[in-house]
């Protein structure tokens, strides 16, 4: 389930896709929280209450989720060498609105399915 998690060129099946989804969703949510906290503290030093921080988190959070998901998608596409794959492009495009409106918990589903595509680098 968690074999070779950080090797993005691996073709995953079933439980490996789910393991990838779990780990990368958790890492993305954690990283986005840290980065949003830093951005809010630097750009909005007047923020002192939890409500103020939550308001700014709702503004910056979706942008962080989209950036994270697209970067992971592009890294998978690069590692697999599937730049010309219609499925890869479609899954990446589909992940953007899901990442924005659903966060990493929903938006990483198409990204995880990118790992199930065949690698073109093996054929070279």
PDB file of N, CA and C in Angstrom:
ATOM      1  N   UNK A   1       0.824  -1.201   0.000  1.00  0.00           N
ATOM      2  CA  UNK A   1       0.000   0.000   0.000  1.00  0.00           C
ATOM      3  C   UNK A   1       0.862   1.258   0.000  1.00  0.00           C
ATOM      4  N   UNK A   2       1.943   1.226   0.769  1.00  0.00           N
ATOM      5  CA  UNK A   2       2.792   2.411   0.878  1.00  0.00           C
ATOM      6  C   UNK A   2       4.172   2.175   0.271  1.00  0.00           C
ATOM      7  N   UNK A   3       4.269   1.287  -0.708  1.00  0.00           N
ATOM      8  CA  UNK A   3       5.553   0.989  -1.332  1.00  0.00           C
ATOM      9  C   UNK A   3       5.915   2.081  -2.334  1.00  0.00           C
ATOM     10  N   UNK A   4       7.173   2.487  -2.279  1.00  0.00           N
ATOM     11  CA  UNK A   4       7.727   3.460  -3.236  1.00  0.00           C
ATOM     12  C   UNK A   4       6.817   4.688  -3.399  1.00  0.00           C
ATOM     13  N   UNK A   5       6.406   5.252  -2.275  1.00  0.00           N
ATOM     14  CA  UNK A   5       5.472   6.381  -2.293  1.00  0.00           C
ATOM     15  C   UNK A   5       6.030   7.623  -2.972  1.00  0.00           C
ATOM     16  N   UNK A   6       7.318   7.831  -2.862  1.00  0.00           N
ATOM     17  CA  UNK A   6       7.881   9.067  -3.385  1.00  0.00           C
ATOM     18  C   UNK A   6       8.495   8.885  -4.774  1.00  0.00           C
ATOM     19  N   UNK A   7       8.328   7.703  -5.356  1.00  0.00           N
ATOM     20  CA  UNK A   7       8.720   7.470  -6.739  1.00  0.00           C
ATOM     21  C   UNK A   7       7.487   7.695  -7.603  1.00  0.00           C
ATOM     22  N   UNK A   8       7.423   8.855  -8.238  1.00  0.00           N
ATOM     23  CA  UNK A   8       6.225   9.248  -8.970  1.00  0.00           C
ATOM     24  C   UNK A   8       6.098   8.576 -10.332  1.00  0.00           C
ATOM     25  N   UNK A   9       7.119   7.835 -10.761  1.00  0.00           N
ATOM     26  CA  UNK A   9       7.050   7.176 -12.053  1.00  0.00           C
ATOM     27  C   UNK A   9       6.427   5.776 -11.964  1.00  0.00           C
ATOM     28  N   UNK A  10       6.130   5.306 -10.762  1.00  0.00           N
ATOM     29  CA  UNK A  10       5.579   3.963 -10.563  1.00  0.00           C
ATOM     30  C   UNK A  10       4.115   3.914 -10.985  1.00  0.00           C
ATOM     31  N   UNK A  11       3.747   2.825 -11.687  1.00  0.00           N
ATOM     32  CA  UNK A  11       2.337   2.602 -12.011  1.00  0.00           C
ATOM     33  C   UNK A  11       1.693   1.911 -10.807  1.00  0.00           C
ATOM     34  N   UNK A  12       0.690   2.549 -10.221  1.00  0.00           N
ATOM     35  CA  UNK A  12       0.050   2.032  -9.012  1.00  0.00           C
ATOM     36  C   UNK A  12      -1.288   1.392  -9.353  1.00  0.00           C
ATOM     37  N   UNK A  13      -1.683   0.463  -8.482  1.00  0.00           N
ATOM     38  CA  UNK A  13      -2.975  -0.219  -8.624  1.00  0.00           C
ATOM     39  C   UNK A  13      -3.678  -0.238  -7.279  1.00  0.00           C
ATOM     40  N   UNK A  14      -4.995  -0.199  -7.307  1.00  0.00           N
ATOM     41  CA  UNK A  14      -5.853  -0.397  -6.147  1.00  0.00           C
ATOM     42  C   UNK A  14      -5.420   0.271  -4.865  1.00  0.00           C
ATOM     43  N   UNK A  15      -4.943  -0.535  -3.921  1.00  0.00           N
ATOM     44  CA  UNK A  15      -4.610  -0.015  -2.595  1.00  0.00           C
ATOM     45  C   UNK A  15      -3.406   0.912  -2.644  1.00  0.00           C
ATOM     46  N   UNK A  16      -2.526   0.752  -3.639  1.00  0.00           N
ATOM     47  CA  UNK A  16      -1.390   1.665  -3.761  1.00  0.00           C
ATOM     48  C   UNK A  16      -1.860   3.072  -4.137  1.00  0.00           C
ATOM     49  N   UNK A  17      -2.882   3.157  -4.984  1.00  0.00           N
ATOM     50  CA  UNK A  17      -3.452   4.464  -5.332  1.00  0.00           C
ATOM     51  C   UNK A  17      -4.051   5.111  -4.083  1.00  0.00           C
ATOM     52  N   UNK A  18      -4.763   4.296  -3.292  1.00  0.00           N
ATOM     53  CA  UNK A  18      -5.365   4.813  -2.062  1.00  0.00           C
ATOM     54  C   UNK A  18      -4.297   5.261  -1.069  1.00  0.00           C
ATOM     55  N   UNK A  19      -3.214   4.503  -0.948  1.00  0.00           N
ATOM     56  CA  UNK A  19      -2.117   4.890  -0.064  1.00  0.00           C
ATOM     57  C   UNK A  19      -1.469   6.185  -0.515  1.00  0.00           C
ATOM     58  N   UNK A  20      -1.269   6.334  -1.830  1.00  0.00           N
ATOM     59  CA  UNK A  20      -0.726   7.575  -2.382  1.00  0.00           C
ATOM     60  C   UNK A  20      -1.654   8.735  -2.038  1.00  0.00           C
ATOM     61  N   UNK A  21      -2.949   8.527  -2.248  1.00  0.00           N
ATOM     62  CA  UNK A  21      -3.942   9.565  -1.953  1.00  0.00           C
ATOM     63  C   UNK A  21      -3.878   9.984  -0.481  1.00  0.00           C
ATOM     64  N   UNK A  22      -3.847   9.021   0.421  1.00  0.00           N
ATOM     65  CA  UNK A  22      -3.820   9.337   1.850  1.00  0.00           C
ATOM     66  C   UNK A  22      -2.585  10.140   2.232  1.00  0.00           C
ATOM     67  N   UNK A  23      -1.429   9.659   1.828  1.00  0.00           N
ATOM     68  CA  UNK A  23      -0.184  10.317   2.225  1.00  0.00           C
ATOM     69  C   UNK A  23      -0.064  11.701   1.613  1.00  0.00           C
ATOM     70  N   UNK A  24      -0.319  11.819   0.323  1.00  0.00           N
ATOM     71  CA  UNK A  24      -0.151  13.114  -0.333  1.00  0.00           C
ATOM     72  C   UNK A  24      -1.244  14.107   0.066  1.00  0.00           C
ATOM     73  N   UNK A  25      -2.437  13.638   0.391  1.00  0.00           N
ATOM     74  CA  UNK A  25      -3.477  14.543   0.893  1.00  0.00           C
ATOM     75  C   UNK A  25      -3.096  15.080   2.262  1.00  0.00           C
ATOM     76  N   UNK A  26      -2.596  14.194   3.124  1.00  0.00           N
ATOM     77  CA  UNK A  26      -2.175  14.637   4.454  1.00  0.00           C
ATOM     78  C   UNK A  26      -1.009  15.616   4.365  1.00  0.00           C
ATOM     79  N   UNK A  27      -0.007  15.276   3.544  1.00  0.00           N
ATOM     80  CA  UNK A  27       1.141  16.172   3.389  1.00  0.00           C
ATOM     81  C   UNK A  27       0.728  17.517   2.800  1.00  0.00           C
ATOM     82  N   UNK A  28      -0.188  17.497   1.836  1.00  0.00           N
ATOM     83  CA  UNK A  28      -0.653  18.734   1.220  1.00  0.00           C
ATOM     84  C   UNK A  28      -1.418  19.614   2.190  1.00  0.00           C
ATOM     85  N   UNK A  29      -2.290  19.000   2.968  1.00  0.00           N
ATOM     86  CA  UNK A  29      -3.056  19.776   3.952  1.00  0.00           C
ATOM     87  C   UNK A  29      -2.127  20.366   5.011  1.00  0.00           C
ATOM     88  N   UNK A  30      -1.157  19.582   5.448  1.00  0.00           N
ATOM     89  CA  UNK A  30      -0.207  20.057   6.456  1.00  0.00           C
ATOM     90  C   UNK A  30       0.637  21.200   5.908  1.00  0.00           C
ATOM     91  N   UNK A  31       1.180  21.016   4.704  1.00  0.00           N
ATOM     92  CA  UNK A  31       2.016  22.051   4.094  1.00  0.00           C
ATOM     93  C   UNK A  31       1.215  23.321   3.817  1.00  0.00           C
ATOM     94  N   UNK A  32      -0.010  23.165   3.326  1.00  0.00           N
ATOM     95  CA  UNK A  32      -0.850  24.337   3.049  1.00  0.00           C
ATOM     96  C   UNK A  32      -1.161  25.095   4.333  1.00  0.00           C
ATOM     97  N   UNK A  33      -1.413  24.385   5.414  1.00  0.00           N
ATOM     98  CA  UNK A  33      -1.675  25.038   6.694  1.00  0.00           C
ATOM     99  C   UNK A  33      -0.486  25.841   7.187  1.00  0.00           C
ATOM    100  N   UNK A  34       0.695  25.252   7.089  1.00  0.00           N
ATOM    101  CA  UNK A  34       1.912  25.950   7.510  1.00  0.00           C
ATOM    102  C   UNK A  34       2.161  27.175   6.628  1.00  0.00           C
ATOM    103  N   UNK A  35       2.066  26.992   5.313  1.00  0.00           N
ATOM    104  CA  UNK A  35       2.327  28.101   4.386  1.00  0.00           C
ATOM    105  C   UNK A  35       1.290  29.204   4.555  1.00  0.00           C
ATOM    106  N   UNK A  36       0.012  28.836   4.705  1.00  0.00           N
ATOM    107  CA  UNK A  36      -1.030  29.859   4.928  1.00  0.00           C
ATOM    108  C   UNK A  36      -0.777  30.609   6.228  1.00  0.00           C
ATOM    109  N   UNK A  37      -0.365  29.901   7.271  1.00  0.00           N
ATOM    110  CA  UNK A  37      -0.054  30.562   8.539  1.00  0.00           C
ATOM    111  C   UNK A  37       1.073  31.566   8.401  1.00  0.00           C
ATOM    112  N   UNK A  38       2.093  31.202   7.654  1.00  0.00           N
ATOM    113  CA  UNK A  38       3.215  32.113   7.429  1.00  0.00           C
ATOM    114  C   UNK A  38       2.771  33.317   6.599  1.00  0.00           C
ATOM    115  N   UNK A  39       2.022  33.055   5.539  1.00  0.00           N
ATOM    116  CA  UNK A  39       1.540  34.151   4.688  1.00  0.00           C
ATOM    117  C   UNK A  39       0.665  35.112   5.484  1.00  0.00           C
ATOM    118  N   UNK A  40      -0.232  34.576   6.285  1.00  0.00           N
ATOM    119  CA  UNK A  40      -1.130  35.432   7.077  1.00  0.00           C
ATOM    120  C   UNK A  40      -0.340  36.240   8.089  1.00  0.00           C
ATOM    121  N   UNK A  41       0.634  35.618   8.739  1.00  0.00           N
ATOM    122  CA  UNK A  41       1.400  36.358   9.748  1.00  0.00           C
ATOM    123  C   UNK A  41       2.272  37.444   9.128  1.00  0.00           C
ATOM    124  N   UNK A  42       2.728  37.227   7.901  1.00  0.00           N
ATOM    125  CA  UNK A  42       3.577  38.231   7.244  1.00  0.00           C
ATOM    126  C   UNK A  42       2.736  39.334   6.601  1.00  0.00           C
ATOM    127  N   UNK A  43       1.695  38.959   5.865  1.00  0.00           N
ATOM    128  CA  UNK A  43       0.903  39.953   5.132  1.00  0.00           C
ATOM    129  C   UNK A  43      -0.168  40.639   5.979  1.00  0.00           C
ATOM    130  N   UNK A  44      -0.597  39.989   7.034  1.00  0.00           N
ATOM    131  CA  UNK A  44      -1.678  40.537   7.868  1.00  0.00           C
ATOM    132  C   UNK A  44      -1.291  40.477   9.346  1.00  0.00           C
ATOM    133  N   UNK A  45      -0.330  41.307   9.763  1.00  0.00           N
ATOM    134  CA  UNK A  45       0.101  41.267  11.170  1.00  0.00           C
ATOM    135  C   UNK A  45      -0.982  41.755  12.142  1.00  0.00           C
ATOM    136  N   UNK A  46      -2.007  42.397  11.639  1.00  0.00           N
ATOM    137  CA  UNK A  46      -3.095  42.882  12.500  1.00  0.00           C
ATOM    138  C   UNK A  46      -4.026  41.754  12.941  1.00  0.00           C
ATOM    139  N   UNK A  47      -3.845  40.557  12.400  1.00  0.00           N
ATOM    140  CA  UNK A  47      -4.695  39.415  12.741  1.00  0.00           C
ATOM    141  C   UNK A  47      -4.344  38.932  14.147  1.00  0.00           C
ATOM    142  N   UNK A  48      -5.329  39.022  15.060  1.00  0.00           N
ATOM    143  CA  UNK A  48      -5.070  38.599  16.442  1.00  0.00           C
ATOM    144  C   UNK A  48      -6.067  37.538  16.923  1.00  0.00           C
ATOM    145  N   UNK A  49      -7.235  37.473  16.332  1.00  0.00           N
ATOM    146  CA  UNK A  49      -8.227  36.504  16.796  1.00  0.00           C
ATOM    147  C   UNK A  49      -8.288  35.306  15.856  1.00  0.00           C
ATOM    148  N   UNK A  50      -8.843  34.241  16.363  1.00  0.00           N
ATOM    149  CA  UNK A  50      -9.019  33.030  15.568  1.00  0.00           C
ATOM    150  C   UNK A  50      -9.933  33.287  14.381  1.00  0.00           C
ATOM    151  N   UNK A  51     -10.967  34.095  14.589  1.00  0.00           N
ATOM    152  CA  UNK A  51     -11.916  34.395  13.509  1.00  0.00           C
ATOM    153  C   UNK A  51     -11.239  35.131  12.351  1.00  0.00           C
ATOM    154  N   UNK A  52     -10.360  36.070  12.693  1.00  0.00           N
ATOM    155  CA  UNK A  52      -9.625  36.786  11.648  1.00  0.00           C
ATOM    156  C   UNK A  52      -8.724  35.830  10.866  1.00  0.00           C
ATOM    157  N   UNK A  53      -8.018  34.960  11.579  1.00  0.00           N
ATOM    158  CA  UNK A  53      -7.121  34.004  10.923  1.00  0.00           C
ATOM    159  C   UNK A  53      -7.906  33.021  10.061  1.00  0.00           C
ATOM    160  N   UNK A  54      -9.070  32.590  10.553  1.00  0.00           N
ATOM    161  CA  UNK A  54      -9.898  31.667   9.772  1.00  0.00           C
ATOM    162  C   UNK A  54     -10.405  32.333   8.498  1.00  0.00           C
ATOM    163  N   UNK A  55     -10.755  33.603   8.586  1.00  0.00           N
ATOM    164  CA  UNK A  55     -11.202  34.351   7.408  1.00  0.00           C
ATOM    165  C   UNK A  55     -10.111  34.382   6.344  1.00  0.00           C
ATOM    166  N   UNK A  56      -8.889  34.722   6.751  1.00  0.00           N
ATOM    167  CA  UNK A  56      -7.788  34.760   5.794  1.00  0.00           C
ATOM    168  C   UNK A  56      -7.420  33.357   5.314  1.00  0.00           C
ATOM    169  N   UNK A  57      -7.553  32.365   6.173  1.00  0.00           N
ATOM    170  CA  UNK A  57      -7.298  30.981   5.777  1.00  0.00           C
ATOM    171  C   UNK A  57      -8.255  30.521   4.693  1.00  0.00           C
ATOM    172  N   UNK A  58      -9.496  30.973   4.775  1.00  0.00           N
ATOM    173  CA  UNK A  58     -10.477  30.639   3.732  1.00  0.00           C
ATOM    174  C   UNK A  58     -10.159  31.334   2.409  1.00  0.00           C
ATOM    175  N   UNK A  59      -9.437  32.438   2.473  1.00  0.00           N
ATOM    176  CA  UNK A  59      -9.030  33.131   1.254  1.00  0.00           C
ATOM    177  C   UNK A  59      -7.805  32.478   0.610  1.00  0.00           C
ATOM    178  N   UNK A  60      -6.817  32.139   1.431  1.00  0.00           N
ATOM    179  CA  UNK A  60      -5.556  31.620   0.904  1.00  0.00           C
ATOM    180  C   UNK A  60      -5.544  30.096   0.762  1.00  0.00           C
ATOM    181  N   UNK A  61      -6.333  29.386   1.520  1.00  0.00           N
ATOM    182  CA  UNK A  61      -6.337  27.922   1.509  1.00  0.00           C
ATOM    183  C   UNK A  61      -6.622  27.295   0.155  1.00  0.00           C
ATOM    184  N   UNK A  62      -7.701  27.702  -0.523  1.00  0.00           N
ATOM    185  CA  UNK A  62      -7.977  27.109  -1.837  1.00  0.00           C
ATOM    186  C   UNK A  62      -6.862  27.349  -2.863  1.00  0.00           C
ATOM    187  N   UNK A  63      -6.243  28.513  -2.806  1.00  0.00           N
ATOM    188  CA  UNK A  63      -5.138  28.786  -3.735  1.00  0.00           C
ATOM    189  C   UNK A  63      -3.962  27.855  -3.455  1.00  0.00           C
ATOM    190  N   UNK A  64      -3.665  27.612  -2.179  1.00  0.00           N
ATOM    191  CA  UNK A  64      -2.588  26.687  -1.820  1.00  0.00           C
ATOM    192  C   UNK A  64      -2.907  25.268  -2.274  1.00  0.00           C
ATOM    193  N   UNK A  65      -4.164  24.858  -2.146  1.00  0.00           N
ATOM    194  CA  UNK A  65      -4.566  23.514  -2.568  1.00  0.00           C
ATOM    195  C   UNK A  65      -4.399  23.338  -4.069  1.00  0.00           C
ATOM    196  N   UNK A  66      -4.805  24.344  -4.842  1.00  0.00           N
ATOM    197  CA  UNK A  66      -4.683  24.267  -6.304  1.00  0.00           C
ATOM    198  C   UNK A  66      -3.212  24.219  -6.707  1.00  0.00           C
ATOM    199  N   UNK A  67      -2.405  25.074  -6.122  1.00  0.00           N
ATOM    200  CA  UNK A  67      -0.980  25.103  -6.460  1.00  0.00           C
ATOM    201  C   UNK A  67      -0.329  23.756  -6.134  1.00  0.00           C
ATOM    202  N   UNK A  68      -0.619  23.215  -4.959  1.00  0.00           N
ATOM    203  CA  UNK A  68      -0.045  21.930  -4.541  1.00  0.00           C
ATOM    204  C   UNK A  68      -0.468  20.811  -5.485  1.00  0.00           C
ATOM    205  N   UNK A  69      -1.751  20.714  -5.774  1.00  0.00           N
ATOM    206  CA  UNK A  69      -2.255  19.643  -6.628  1.00  0.00           C
ATOM    207  C   UNK A  69      -1.718  19.701  -8.040  1.00  0.00           C
ATOM    208  N   UNK A  70      -1.630  20.893  -8.595  1.00  0.00           N
ATOM    209  CA  UNK A  70      -1.124  21.037  -9.961  1.00  0.00           C
ATOM    210  C   UNK A  70       0.371  20.721 -10.008  1.00  0.00           C
ATOM    211  N   UNK A  71       1.113  21.136  -9.003  1.00  0.00           N
ATOM    212  CA  UNK A  71       2.545  20.820  -8.967  1.00  0.00           C
ATOM    213  C   UNK A  71       2.751  19.306  -8.882  1.00  0.00           C
ATOM    214  N   UNK A  72       2.007  18.616  -8.023  1.00  0.00           N
ATOM    215  CA  UNK A  72       2.131  17.160  -7.917  1.00  0.00           C
ATOM    216  C   UNK A  72       1.729  16.504  -9.245  1.00  0.00           C
ATOM    217  N   UNK A  73       0.654  16.980  -9.870  1.00  0.00           N
ATOM    218  CA  UNK A  73       0.230  16.432 -11.165  1.00  0.00           C
ATOM    219  C   UNK A  73       1.315  16.592 -12.219  1.00  0.00           C
ATOM    220  N   UNK A  74       1.890  17.766 -12.294  1.00  0.00           N
ATOM    221  CA  UNK A  74       2.929  18.014 -13.287  1.00  0.00           C
ATOM    222  C   UNK A  74       4.184  17.187 -13.014  1.00  0.00           C
ATOM    223  N   UNK A  75       4.507  16.992 -11.744  1.00  0.00           N
ATOM    224  CA  UNK A  75       5.652  16.141 -11.412  1.00  0.00           C
ATOM    225  C   UNK A  75       5.402  14.690 -11.821  1.00  0.00           C
ATOM    226  N   UNK A  76       4.184  14.206 -11.619  1.00  0.00           N
ATOM    227  CA  UNK A  76       3.839  12.845 -12.039  1.00  0.00           C
ATOM    228  C   UNK A  76       3.930  12.730 -13.557  1.00  0.00           C
ATOM    229  N   UNK A  77       3.365  13.696 -14.263  1.00  0.00           N
ATOM    230  CA  UNK A  77       3.396  13.686 -15.731  1.00  0.00           C
ATOM    231  C   UNK A  77       4.838  13.724 -16.232  1.00  0.00           C
ATOM    232  N   UNK A  78       5.674  14.543 -15.600  1.00  0.00           N
ATOM    233  CA  UNK A  78       7.081  14.629 -15.998  1.00  0.00           C
ATOM    234  C   UNK A  78       7.804  13.314 -15.741  1.00  0.00           C
ATOM    235  N   UNK A  79       7.617  12.740 -14.560  1.00  0.00           N
ATOM    236  CA  UNK A  79       8.314  11.497 -14.215  1.00  0.00           C
ATOM    237  C   UNK A  79       7.873  10.327 -15.082  1.00  0.00           C
ATOM    238  N   UNK A  80       6.627  10.299 -15.472  1.00  0.00           N
ATOM    239  CA  UNK A  80       6.120   9.217 -16.319  1.00  0.00           C
ATOM    240  C   UNK A  80       6.348   9.495 -17.799  1.00  0.00           C
ATOM    241  N   UNK A  81       6.650  10.745 -18.156  1.00  0.00           N
ATOM    242  CA  UNK A  81       6.858  11.114 -19.546  1.00  0.00           C
ATOM    243  C   UNK A  81       5.587  11.038 -20.376  1.00  0.00           C
ATOM    244  N   UNK A  82       4.461  11.427 -19.788  1.00  0.00           N
ATOM    245  CA  UNK A  82       3.168  11.315 -20.471  1.00  0.00           C
ATOM    246  C   UNK A  82       2.605  12.695 -20.809  1.00  0.00           C
ATOM    247  N   UNK A  83       3.451  13.545 -21.336  1.00  0.00           N
ATOM    248  CA  UNK A  83       3.023  14.904 -21.693  1.00  0.00           C
ATOM    249  C   UNK A  83       1.947  14.904 -22.775  1.00  0.00           C
ATOM    250  N   UNK A  84       1.936  13.925 -23.657  1.00  0.00           N
ATOM    251  CA  UNK A  84       0.981  13.877 -24.760  1.00  0.00           C
ATOM    252  C   UNK A  84      -0.251  13.040 -24.449  1.00  0.00           C
ATOM    253  N   UNK A  85      -0.413  12.616 -23.203  1.00  0.00           N
ATOM    254  CA  UNK A  85      -1.542  11.774 -22.832  1.00  0.00           C
ATOM    255  C   UNK A  85      -2.785  12.632 -22.564  1.00  0.00           C
ATOM    256  N   UNK A  86      -3.845  12.327 -23.295  1.00  0.00           N
ATOM    257  CA  UNK A  86      -5.105  13.055 -23.102  1.00  0.00           C
ATOM    258  C   UNK A  86      -5.667  12.809 -21.708  1.00  0.00           C
ATOM    259  N   UNK A  87      -5.561  11.570 -21.224  1.00  0.00           N
ATOM    260  CA  UNK A  87      -6.064  11.238 -19.892  1.00  0.00           C
ATOM    261  C   UNK A  87      -5.339  12.036 -18.811  1.00  0.00           C
ATOM    262  N   UNK A  88      -4.028  12.177 -18.951  1.00  0.00           N
ATOM    263  CA  UNK A  88      -3.244  12.905 -17.952  1.00  0.00           C
ATOM    264  C   UNK A  88      -3.646  14.379 -17.910  1.00  0.00           C
ATOM    265  N   UNK A  89      -3.805  14.966 -19.089  1.00  0.00           N
ATOM    266  CA  UNK A  89      -4.203  16.375 -19.157  1.00  0.00           C
ATOM    267  C   UNK A  89      -5.613  16.556 -18.600  1.00  0.00           C
ATOM    268  N   UNK A  90      -6.507  15.648 -18.956  1.00  0.00           N
ATOM    269  CA  UNK A  90      -7.888  15.732 -18.474  1.00  0.00           C
ATOM    270  C   UNK A  90      -7.963  15.584 -16.955  1.00  0.00           C
ATOM    271  N   UNK A  91      -7.214  14.647 -16.389  1.00  0.00           N
ATOM    272  CA  UNK A  91      -7.214  14.475 -14.935  1.00  0.00           C
ATOM    273  C   UNK A  91      -6.629  15.701 -14.233  1.00  0.00           C
ATOM    274  N   UNK A  92      -5.609  16.291 -14.814  1.00  0.00           N
ATOM    275  CA  UNK A  92      -5.018  17.494 -14.214  1.00  0.00           C
ATOM    276  C   UNK A  92      -6.000  18.661 -14.259  1.00  0.00           C
ATOM    277  N   UNK A  93      -6.671  18.835 -15.386  1.00  0.00           N
ATOM    278  CA  UNK A  93      -7.653  19.918 -15.505  1.00  0.00           C
ATOM    279  C   UNK A  93      -8.837  19.680 -14.572  1.00  0.00           C
ATOM    280  N   UNK A  94      -9.285  18.444 -14.468  1.00  0.00           N
ATOM    281  CA  UNK A  94     -10.414  18.125 -13.584  1.00  0.00           C
ATOM    282  C   UNK A  94     -10.067  18.339 -12.121  1.00  0.00           C
ATOM    283  N   UNK A  95      -8.805  18.194 -11.773  1.00  0.00           N
ATOM    284  CA  UNK A  95      -8.423  18.345 -10.373  1.00  0.00           C
ATOM    285  C   UNK A  95      -8.473  19.802  -9.899  1.00  0.00           C
ATOM    286  N   UNK A  96      -8.335  20.757 -10.817  1.00  0.00           N
ATOM    287  CA  UNK A  96      -8.278  22.171 -10.414  1.00  0.00           C
ATOM    288  C   UNK A  96      -9.560  22.640  -9.723  1.00  0.00           C
ATOM    289  N   UNK A  97     -10.751  22.496 -10.334  1.00  0.00           N
ATOM    290  CA  UNK A  97     -11.940  22.934  -9.601  1.00  0.00           C
ATOM    291  C   UNK A  97     -12.212  22.087  -8.354  1.00  0.00           C
ATOM    292  N   UNK A  98     -11.872  20.801  -8.416  1.00  0.00           N
ATOM    293  CA  UNK A  98     -12.058  19.965  -7.227  1.00  0.00           C
ATOM    294  C   UNK A  98     -11.149  20.407  -6.100  1.00  0.00           C
ATOM    295  N   UNK A  99      -9.912  20.771  -6.414  1.00  0.00           N
ATOM    296  CA  UNK A  99      -8.988  21.278  -5.394  1.00  0.00           C
ATOM    297  C   UNK A  99      -9.474  22.610  -4.826  1.00  0.00           C
ATOM    298  N   UNK A 100      -9.977  23.465  -5.684  1.00  0.00           N
ATOM    299  CA  UNK A 100     -10.406  24.787  -5.222  1.00  0.00           C
ATOM    300  C   UNK A 100     -11.643  24.691  -4.324  1.00  0.00           C
ATOM    301  N   UNK A 101     -12.643  23.940  -4.758  1.00  0.00           N
ATOM    302  CA  UNK A 101     -13.896  23.891  -4.004  1.00  0.00           C
ATOM    303  C   UNK A 101     -13.932  22.796  -2.940  1.00  0.00           C
ATOM    304  N   UNK A 102     -13.148  21.735  -3.114  1.00  0.00           N
ATOM    305  CA  UNK A 102     -13.186  20.629  -2.165  1.00  0.00           C
ATOM    306  C   UNK A 102     -11.936  20.457  -1.335  1.00  0.00           C
ATOM    307  N   UNK A 103     -10.909  21.236  -1.643  1.00  0.00           N
ATOM    308  CA  UNK A 103      -9.659  21.104  -0.916  1.00  0.00           C
ATOM    309  C   UNK A 103      -8.910  19.858  -1.343  1.00  0.00           C
ATOM    310  N   UNK A 104      -7.838  19.543  -0.606  1.00  0.00           N
ATOM    311  CA  UNK A 104      -7.028  18.395  -0.997  1.00  0.00           C
ATOM    312  C   UNK A 104      -7.733  17.071  -0.764  1.00  0.00           C
ATOM    313  N   UNK A 105      -8.706  17.040   0.124  1.00  0.00           N
ATOM    314  CA  UNK A 105      -9.397  15.773   0.399  1.00  0.00           C
ATOM    315  C   UNK A 105     -10.180  15.278  -0.814  1.00  0.00           C
ATOM    316  N   UNK A 106     -10.714  16.158  -1.615  1.00  0.00           N
ATOM    317  CA  UNK A 106     -11.452  15.760  -2.811  1.00  0.00           C
ATOM    318  C   UNK A 106     -10.593  15.955  -4.067  1.00  0.00           C
ATOM    319  N   UNK A 107      -9.839  17.021  -4.110  1.00  0.00           N
ATOM    320  CA  UNK A 107      -9.075  17.361  -5.307  1.00  0.00           C
ATOM    321  C   UNK A 107      -7.914  16.438  -5.611  1.00  0.00           C
ATOM    322  N   UNK A 108      -7.424  15.699  -4.628  1.00  0.00           N
ATOM    323  CA  UNK A 108      -6.305  14.792  -4.883  1.00  0.00           C
ATOM    324  C   UNK A 108      -6.754  13.462  -5.478  1.00  0.00           C
ATOM    325  N   UNK A 109      -8.052  13.238  -5.599  1.00  0.00           N
ATOM    326  CA  UNK A 109      -8.534  11.986  -6.186  1.00  0.00           C
ATOM    327  C   UNK A 109      -8.091  11.847  -7.641  1.00  0.00           C
ATOM    328  N   UNK A 110      -8.326  12.840  -8.521  1.00  0.00           N
ATOM    329  CA  UNK A 110      -7.825  12.688  -9.893  1.00  0.00           C
ATOM    330  C   UNK A 110      -6.296  12.645  -9.969  1.00  0.00           C
ATOM    331  N   UNK A 111      -5.639  13.350  -9.072  1.00  0.00           N
ATOM    332  CA  UNK A 111      -4.173  13.332  -9.049  1.00  0.00           C
ATOM    333  C   UNK A 111      -3.684  11.932  -8.697  1.00  0.00           C
ATOM    334  N   UNK A 112      -4.346  11.285  -7.749  1.00  0.00           N
ATOM    335  CA  UNK A 112      -3.964   9.920  -7.383  1.00  0.00           C
ATOM    336  C   UNK A 112      -4.179   8.960  -8.548  1.00  0.00           C
ATOM    337  N   UNK A 113      -5.218   9.173  -9.329  1.00  0.00           N
ATOM    338  CA  UNK A 113      -5.463   8.309 -10.480  1.00  0.00           C
ATOM    339  C   UNK A 113      -4.438   8.530 -11.595  1.00  0.00           C
ATOM    340  N   UNK A 114      -3.755   9.669 -11.590  1.00  0.00           N
ATOM    341  CA  UNK A 114      -2.664   9.874 -12.539  1.00  0.00           C
ATOM    342  C   UNK A 114      -1.571   8.826 -12.345  1.00  0.00           C
ATOM    343  N   UNK A 115      -1.388   8.371 -11.115  1.00  0.00           N
ATOM    344  CA  UNK A 115      -0.339   7.393 -10.842  1.00  0.00           C
ATOM    345  C   UNK A 115      -0.670   6.021 -11.420  1.00  0.00           C
ATOM    346  N   UNK A 116      -1.917   5.790 -11.837  1.00  0.00           N
ATOM    347  CA  UNK A 116      -2.290   4.497 -12.410  1.00  0.00           C
ATOM    348  C   UNK A 116      -2.020   4.417 -13.907  1.00  0.00           C
ATOM    349  N   UNK A 117      -1.630   5.522 -14.515  1.00  0.00           N
ATOM    350  CA  UNK A 117      -1.353   5.535 -15.952  1.00  0.00           C
ATOM    351  C   UNK A 117       0.012   4.912 -16.237  1.00  0.00           C
ATOM    352  N   UNK A 118       0.148   4.317 -17.420  1.00  0.00           N
ATOM    353  CA  UNK A 118       1.416   3.727 -17.827  1.00  0.00           C
ATOM    354  C   UNK A 118       2.458   4.801 -18.067  1.00  0.00           C
ATOM    355  N   UNK A 119       3.684   4.468 -17.768  1.00  0.00           N
ATOM    356  CA  UNK A 119       4.802   5.372 -18.010  1.00  0.00           C
ATOM    357  C   UNK A 119       5.277   5.212 -19.448  1.00  0.00           C
ATOM    358  N   UNK A 120       5.547   6.324 -20.115  1.00  0.00           N
ATOM    359  CA  UNK A 120       6.071   6.292 -21.474  1.00  0.00           C
ATOM    360  C   UNK A 120       7.581   6.181 -21.483  1.00  0.00           C
ATOM    361  N   UNK A 121       8.230   6.450 -20.368  1.00  0.00           N
ATOM    362  CA  UNK A 121       9.683   6.403 -20.304  1.00  0.00           C
ATOM    363  C   UNK A 121      10.207   4.973 -20.411  1.00  0.00           C
ATOM    364  N   UNK A 122       9.407   3.984 -20.048  1.00  0.00           N
ATOM    365  CA  UNK A 122       9.834   2.583 -20.134  1.00  0.00           C
ATOM    366  C   UNK A 122      10.004   2.129 -21.580  1.00  0.00           C
ATOM    367  N   UNK A 123       9.271   2.771 -22.488  1.00  0.00           N
ATOM    368  CA  UNK A 123       9.287   2.351 -23.893  1.00  0.00           C
ATOM    369  C   UNK A 123      10.486   2.891 -24.650  1.00  0.00           C
ATOM    370  N   UNK A 124      11.187   3.879 -24.096  1.00  0.00           N
ATOM    371  CA  UNK A 124      12.314   4.490 -24.812  1.00  0.00           C
ATOM    372  C   UNK A 124      13.520   3.596 -24.839  1.00  0.00           C
TER     373      UNK A 124
END
